[in-house]
Protein backbone atom coordinates (compact mmCIF):
# COMPACT_ATOMS: atom_id res chain seq x y z
CA MET A 1 111.53 111.66 83.53
CA THR A 2 113.66 114.18 85.42
CA ILE A 3 113.39 114.86 89.15
CA GLN A 4 111.66 118.19 88.44
CA GLN A 5 109.09 116.51 86.18
CA LEU A 6 108.51 113.72 88.69
CA LEU A 7 108.08 116.24 91.52
CA LYS A 8 105.49 118.11 89.46
CA THR A 9 103.63 115.02 88.26
CA ALA A 10 103.91 112.84 91.37
CA PRO A 11 105.11 114.83 94.41
CA VAL A 12 104.31 112.12 96.98
CA THR A 13 106.19 109.52 94.95
CA THR A 14 109.19 111.86 94.83
CA LEU A 15 109.07 112.46 98.58
CA LEU A 16 108.77 108.73 99.28
CA LEU A 17 111.83 108.01 97.14
CA ILE A 18 113.75 110.78 98.89
CA SER A 19 112.76 109.37 102.29
CA PHE A 20 113.88 105.84 101.31
CA ILE A 21 117.26 107.07 100.08
CA GLY A 22 117.70 109.59 102.89
CA LEU A 23 117.01 107.01 105.62
CA PHE A 24 119.42 104.57 103.99
CA PHE A 25 122.22 107.14 103.91
CA MET A 26 121.54 108.06 107.52
CA GLN A 27 121.95 104.40 108.46
CA VAL A 28 125.21 104.09 106.55
CA LEU A 29 126.58 107.31 108.06
CA SER A 30 125.75 106.00 111.53
CA GLY A 31 127.86 102.91 110.90
CA VAL A 32 125.30 100.40 109.59
CA ASP A 33 126.60 98.00 106.96
CA ALA A 34 125.24 99.06 103.56
CA ASN A 35 124.89 95.52 102.24
CA ASN A 36 124.34 93.36 105.33
CA PRO A 37 122.90 95.35 108.24
CA SER A 38 122.69 93.61 111.58
CA THR A 39 119.45 92.64 113.30
CA GLU A 40 120.16 95.08 116.12
CA ALA A 41 120.66 97.94 113.65
CA LEU A 42 117.44 97.14 111.79
CA LEU A 43 115.46 97.01 115.04
CA LYS A 44 116.96 100.33 116.08
CA TRP A 45 115.88 101.97 112.80
CA GLY A 46 112.29 100.70 112.93
CA ALA A 47 112.06 97.23 111.40
CA ASN A 48 108.91 95.16 111.90
CA ALA A 49 109.43 92.37 114.47
CA LEU A 50 106.56 90.55 116.17
CA PRO A 51 107.82 90.77 119.81
CA TYR A 52 108.18 94.54 119.45
CA THR A 53 105.45 95.46 116.96
CA MET A 54 102.70 93.42 118.58
CA ASP A 55 103.68 94.46 122.10
CA ASN A 56 103.82 98.22 122.57
CA GLU A 57 105.38 99.50 119.34
CA PRO A 58 102.71 99.31 116.61
CA TRP A 59 104.35 102.25 114.84
CA ARG A 60 106.78 99.70 113.37
CA LEU A 61 103.99 98.59 111.04
CA ALA A 62 104.50 101.86 109.13
CA SER A 63 108.14 102.75 109.88
CA SER A 64 109.44 99.48 108.47
CA ALA A 65 108.03 100.44 105.05
CA PHE A 66 110.71 103.16 104.77
CA LEU A 67 113.59 100.95 105.92
CA HIS A 68 115.52 98.67 103.55
CA ILE A 69 117.83 95.74 104.20
CA GLY A 70 120.84 96.56 102.06
CA LEU A 71 121.56 98.55 98.92
CA MET A 72 120.10 96.04 96.43
CA HIS A 73 116.83 95.93 98.37
CA LEU A 74 116.66 99.72 98.22
CA LEU A 75 117.41 99.86 94.48
CA PHE A 76 114.82 97.23 93.62
CA ASN A 77 112.03 98.86 95.64
CA GLY A 78 113.10 102.35 94.55
CA PHE A 79 112.77 101.43 90.88
CA ALA A 80 109.38 99.77 91.48
CA MET A 81 108.10 102.84 93.35
CA TYR A 82 109.34 105.12 90.56
CA PHE A 83 107.64 102.98 87.90
CA PHE A 84 104.29 102.53 89.67
CA GLY A 85 104.14 105.90 91.44
CA GLN A 86 104.36 108.13 88.38
CA ILE A 87 101.28 106.34 87.00
CA ALA A 88 99.23 105.67 90.13
CA GLU A 89 99.59 109.03 91.88
CA PRO A 90 98.12 111.17 89.04
CA MET A 91 95.36 108.59 88.66
CA PHE A 92 94.25 108.33 92.30
CA GLY A 93 95.40 111.72 93.60
CA SER A 94 98.33 112.43 95.91
CA ALA A 95 96.46 112.11 99.23
CA LYS A 96 94.72 108.86 98.28
CA PHE A 97 97.95 107.49 96.81
CA LEU A 98 99.83 108.10 100.08
CA ALA A 99 97.02 106.52 102.11
CA LEU A 100 96.99 103.54 99.74
CA PHE A 101 100.73 103.01 100.14
CA LEU A 102 100.68 103.25 103.93
CA LEU A 103 97.64 101.01 104.39
CA ALA A 104 99.02 98.39 102.00
CA ALA A 105 102.34 98.39 103.86
CA ILE A 106 100.58 98.07 107.22
CA GLY A 107 98.32 95.32 105.87
CA GLY A 108 101.33 93.38 104.62
CA ASN A 109 103.12 93.69 107.96
CA LEU A 110 100.03 92.64 109.89
CA LEU A 111 99.64 89.52 107.75
CA ASN A 112 103.33 88.79 108.27
CA ASN A 113 102.91 89.04 112.05
CA HIS A 114 99.71 86.99 111.98
CA ILE A 115 101.35 84.14 110.08
CA THR A 116 104.44 84.34 112.27
CA TRP A 117 102.32 84.16 115.42
CA GLN A 118 100.30 81.21 114.12
CA GLY A 119 103.57 79.44 113.29
CA ILE A 120 104.81 80.01 116.84
CA LEU A 121 101.59 78.60 118.27
CA ASP A 122 101.88 75.54 115.99
CA GLY A 123 105.54 75.10 116.82
CA THR A 124 106.57 75.49 113.18
CA GLY A 125 107.82 79.08 113.21
CA GLN A 126 109.88 81.57 115.12
CA PRO A 127 109.95 85.36 115.41
CA GLY A 128 111.73 87.22 112.65
CA LEU A 129 111.88 90.73 111.30
CA SER A 130 110.90 92.40 108.06
CA ALA A 131 111.47 95.75 106.39
CA GLY A 132 110.99 97.38 103.03
CA ALA A 133 108.42 99.20 100.94
CA SER A 134 107.49 96.11 98.92
CA GLY A 135 104.17 95.58 100.74
CA GLY A 136 103.04 99.10 99.92
CA ILE A 137 104.37 98.84 96.37
CA MET A 138 102.51 95.57 95.81
CA GLY A 139 99.37 97.33 97.02
CA ILE A 140 99.92 100.08 94.44
CA GLY A 141 100.52 97.49 91.73
CA ALA A 142 97.32 95.64 92.65
CA ALA A 143 95.40 98.93 92.55
CA LEU A 144 96.73 99.56 89.05
CA LEU A 145 95.51 96.09 88.04
CA ILE A 146 91.99 97.06 89.09
CA ALA A 147 92.36 100.37 87.26
CA ALA A 148 93.34 98.55 84.07
CA LEU A 149 90.49 96.07 84.51
CA PHE A 150 87.97 98.91 84.83
CA LYS A 151 89.70 100.84 82.01
CA ILE A 152 90.41 103.87 84.19
CA SER A 153 92.53 106.28 82.16
CA VAL A 154 95.28 108.67 83.22
CA ASN A 155 96.07 111.58 80.87
CA GLY A 156 93.95 109.88 78.23
CA MET A 157 95.90 106.59 78.41
CA VAL A 158 94.51 103.25 79.58
CA LEU A 159 96.88 100.86 81.36
CA ASN A 160 97.93 97.58 79.77
CA LEU A 161 96.40 94.82 81.89
CA LYS A 162 98.65 92.04 80.55
CA SER A 163 101.83 93.98 81.32
CA LEU A 164 100.74 94.67 84.89
CA VAL A 165 99.78 91.04 85.47
CA PHE A 166 103.20 90.00 84.15
CA ILE A 167 105.07 92.40 86.45
CA MET A 168 103.05 91.43 89.52
CA GLY A 169 103.48 87.75 88.70
CA ILE A 170 107.26 88.12 88.49
CA ASN A 171 107.34 89.74 91.94
CA LEU A 172 105.27 86.97 93.52
CA VAL A 173 107.25 84.16 91.87
CA TYR A 174 110.52 85.84 92.85
CA GLY A 175 109.29 86.05 96.43
CA PHE A 176 108.55 82.34 96.62
CA ALA A 177 111.71 81.30 94.77
CA VAL A 178 114.25 83.32 96.77
CA PRO A 179 114.67 82.57 100.51
CA GLY A 180 114.22 85.39 102.99
CA ILE A 181 111.57 87.29 100.97
CA ASP A 182 108.53 88.43 102.95
CA ASN A 183 105.80 86.76 100.87
CA ALA A 184 103.15 87.44 103.49
CA GLY A 185 103.99 91.14 103.30
CA HIS A 186 103.65 91.08 99.51
CA ILE A 187 100.33 89.21 99.55
CA GLY A 188 98.89 91.27 102.41
CA GLY A 189 99.82 94.51 100.66
CA ALA A 190 98.36 93.32 97.36
CA ILE A 191 95.05 92.28 98.94
CA THR A 192 94.79 95.64 100.73
CA GLY A 193 95.47 97.47 97.47
CA LEU A 194 92.84 95.41 95.62
CA VAL A 195 90.12 96.21 98.16
CA ILE A 196 90.90 99.93 98.20
CA ALA A 197 91.13 100.07 94.40
CA LEU A 198 87.68 98.49 94.05
CA ALA A 199 86.26 101.47 95.92
CA PHE A 200 88.20 103.80 93.60
CA ALA A 201 86.87 101.98 90.53
CA ILE A 202 83.23 102.01 91.65
CA ALA A 203 83.42 105.72 92.45
CA TYR A 204 85.07 106.37 89.08
CA ARG A 205 82.33 104.52 87.21
CA GLN A 206 79.60 106.48 88.97
CA CYS A 207 81.31 109.82 88.28
CA MET A 208 81.78 108.89 84.62
CA ALA A 209 78.09 108.01 84.35
CA VAL A 210 77.18 111.48 85.62
CA THR A 211 79.65 113.05 83.17
CA VAL A 212 78.07 111.21 80.25
CA GLN A 213 74.63 112.26 81.47
CA ASN A 214 75.70 115.92 81.47
CA THR A 215 77.19 115.76 77.97
CA PRO A 216 74.90 117.75 75.61
CA VAL A 217 73.56 116.01 72.50
CA ALA A 218 73.69 118.24 69.42
CA HIS A 219 70.55 118.35 67.22
CA ARG A 220 71.03 119.43 63.62
CA PRO A 221 68.44 121.72 62.07
CA TYR A 222 66.69 120.11 59.14
CA GLN A 223 64.74 121.39 56.16
CA ASN A 224 61.61 120.02 54.61
CA ASN A 225 63.16 119.04 51.30
CA ASP A 226 59.95 117.58 49.93
CA GLN A 227 58.13 120.87 50.42
CA SER A 228 60.99 122.87 48.87
CA HIS A 229 61.06 120.53 45.88
CA TYR A 230 57.28 120.84 45.46
CA GLN A 231 57.44 124.61 45.54
CA THR A 232 60.25 124.73 42.95
CA ASP A 233 58.46 122.30 40.68
CA TYR A 234 55.22 124.24 41.04
CA GLN A 235 56.90 127.51 40.06
CA ALA A 236 58.61 125.96 37.05
CA ARG A 237 55.42 124.31 35.82
CA TYR A 238 53.18 127.33 35.92
CA ILE A 239 55.54 130.16 35.07
CA ASP A 240 54.48 130.14 31.38
CA GLN A 241 50.75 130.47 32.03
CA SER A 242 48.79 133.36 30.48
CA SER A 243 48.98 136.80 32.03
CA SER A 244 45.24 136.81 32.57
CA LEU A 245 45.47 133.84 34.83
CA ASP A 246 48.32 135.51 36.72
CA THR A 247 46.28 138.67 37.07
CA TYR A 248 43.26 136.73 38.30
CA SER A 249 45.39 134.84 40.79
CA ALA A 250 46.98 138.01 42.09
CA ASN A 251 43.61 139.79 42.48
CA HIS A 252 42.03 136.75 44.07
CA HIS A 253 44.95 136.36 46.44
CA SER A 254 44.76 140.04 47.38
CA GLU A 255 41.04 139.79 48.10
CA PHE A 256 41.63 136.75 50.24
CA ASP A 257 44.28 138.59 52.22
CA ASN A 258 42.01 141.58 52.73
CA ARG A 259 39.28 139.33 54.08
CA THR A 260 41.49 137.38 56.41
CA GLY A 261 43.84 140.19 57.44
CA ILE A 262 46.92 138.16 56.52
CA ASP A 263 49.90 139.95 55.00
CA SER A 264 50.81 138.16 51.78
CA ASN A 265 54.39 139.45 52.00
CA ILE A 266 55.16 137.33 55.06
CA ASN A 267 57.76 134.72 54.30
CA ILE A 268 57.09 131.39 56.00
CA PRO A 269 60.36 129.60 56.57
CA THR A 270 60.58 125.93 55.78
CA ALA A 271 63.70 125.25 57.84
CA HIS A 272 63.16 123.78 61.27
CA THR A 273 65.54 124.52 64.12
CA SER A 274 65.92 122.52 67.28
CA VAL A 275 65.04 123.97 70.65
CA THR A 276 67.16 122.63 73.49
CA GLU A 277 65.92 122.72 77.01
CA GLN A 278 68.42 123.95 79.57
CA LYS A 279 68.86 121.40 82.33
CA THR A 280 70.67 121.70 85.63
CA PRO A 281 73.90 119.63 85.40
CA ALA A 282 73.81 116.51 87.57
CA THR A 283 76.53 116.07 90.17
CA PRO A 284 77.90 112.81 91.59
CA SER A 285 76.35 111.73 94.85
CA LEU A 286 78.46 112.55 97.91
CA ILE A 287 78.63 108.87 98.84
CA TRP A 288 80.49 108.04 95.61
CA THR A 289 82.91 110.92 96.11
CA LEU A 290 83.70 109.78 99.66
CA LEU A 291 83.59 106.03 98.98
CA PRO A 292 87.41 105.56 98.68
CA TRP A 293 87.96 107.43 101.95
CA VAL A 294 85.18 105.49 103.69
CA MET A 295 86.72 102.23 102.52
CA MET A 296 90.17 103.24 103.77
CA LEU A 297 88.67 104.30 107.10
CA LEU A 298 86.97 100.90 107.48
CA ILE A 299 90.23 99.14 106.60
CA SER A 300 92.09 101.23 109.19
CA ILE A 301 89.55 100.27 111.85
CA GLY A 302 89.90 96.63 110.82
CA PHE A 303 93.68 96.87 111.13
CA VAL A 304 93.41 98.32 114.62
CA TRP A 305 91.16 95.43 115.64
CA TRP A 306 93.55 92.93 114.02
CA TRP A 307 96.55 94.30 115.91
CA GLN A 308 94.63 94.28 119.18
CA ASP A 309 93.53 90.68 118.60
CA ILE A 310 97.10 89.42 118.06
CA HIS A 311 98.34 91.56 120.94
CA TYR A 312 95.67 90.11 123.27
CA GLN A 313 96.57 86.54 122.24
CA ILE A 314 100.26 87.17 122.97
CA VAL A 315 99.47 88.70 126.36
CA GLN A 316 97.28 85.73 127.29
CA VAL A 317 99.96 83.20 126.28
CA LEU A 318 102.61 85.09 128.27
CA LYS A 319 100.35 85.10 131.32
CA THR A 320 99.84 81.37 130.99
CA ILE A 321 103.60 80.75 130.78
CA GLU A 322 104.26 82.86 133.84
């Protein structure tokens, strides 16, 4: 897929890739090592670090998702974003896709800080830093898993559940096998993506139910074949009768029509046509349309509370030490 096609199909994905690459080149041009950036340089460019993020710089929860630690880190996450984004963005919509990425990245960073803080309290950990879009990408991948499970289609195609499970599994195993990988960020992003995608899937099912309800059912007109056969057989059987009987029948039929006032020339059709009643099309309830946004709003509120809780704990410990 060319850049023009990607921009048309998935504009947010294209802009995210451009921002990843653009920020990396800005770092390199400013003197940051392309393969092994220093801790000071990463902190300057917005990396997630508990002493900073959980103090007075919560913006690092989002900024760190655009920052990458070296060229290989950028290439790996760039390819993953390209692969997942061109599928997920048309499926969920550009605005929801961007919100999903950001919330998953923030959720992964919050879980990273939470585990780091608990390790410090237990005496088994120490502050570190993290950066990269992998938390947000894992959230997108988890959302696609839910989409495949619920058989949500994009452009008429349903995702392959086994392939997605395989790809996500490789990422998680790689994270645990290679030192220095932010596993908490991956898991936190994936969990956030799963929760948000469940809201997407439920809303999709409800909208599809309304669509099926509005689909008209065609009724074929039918003909009374038995009656037609009887009439044909009757005509064939009595066509050779004497002319006197025909004359009597005609005169008798005419007298009957004169008495009843019925026109004998009226043709009574034997075909039956269906009459369809026009119904007002049903529309999805507003709650189902807004459910994904409501879920993301609730998650955002939960994240704010989570950050404040860790921040309060840190402040209390610092006061105790002083």
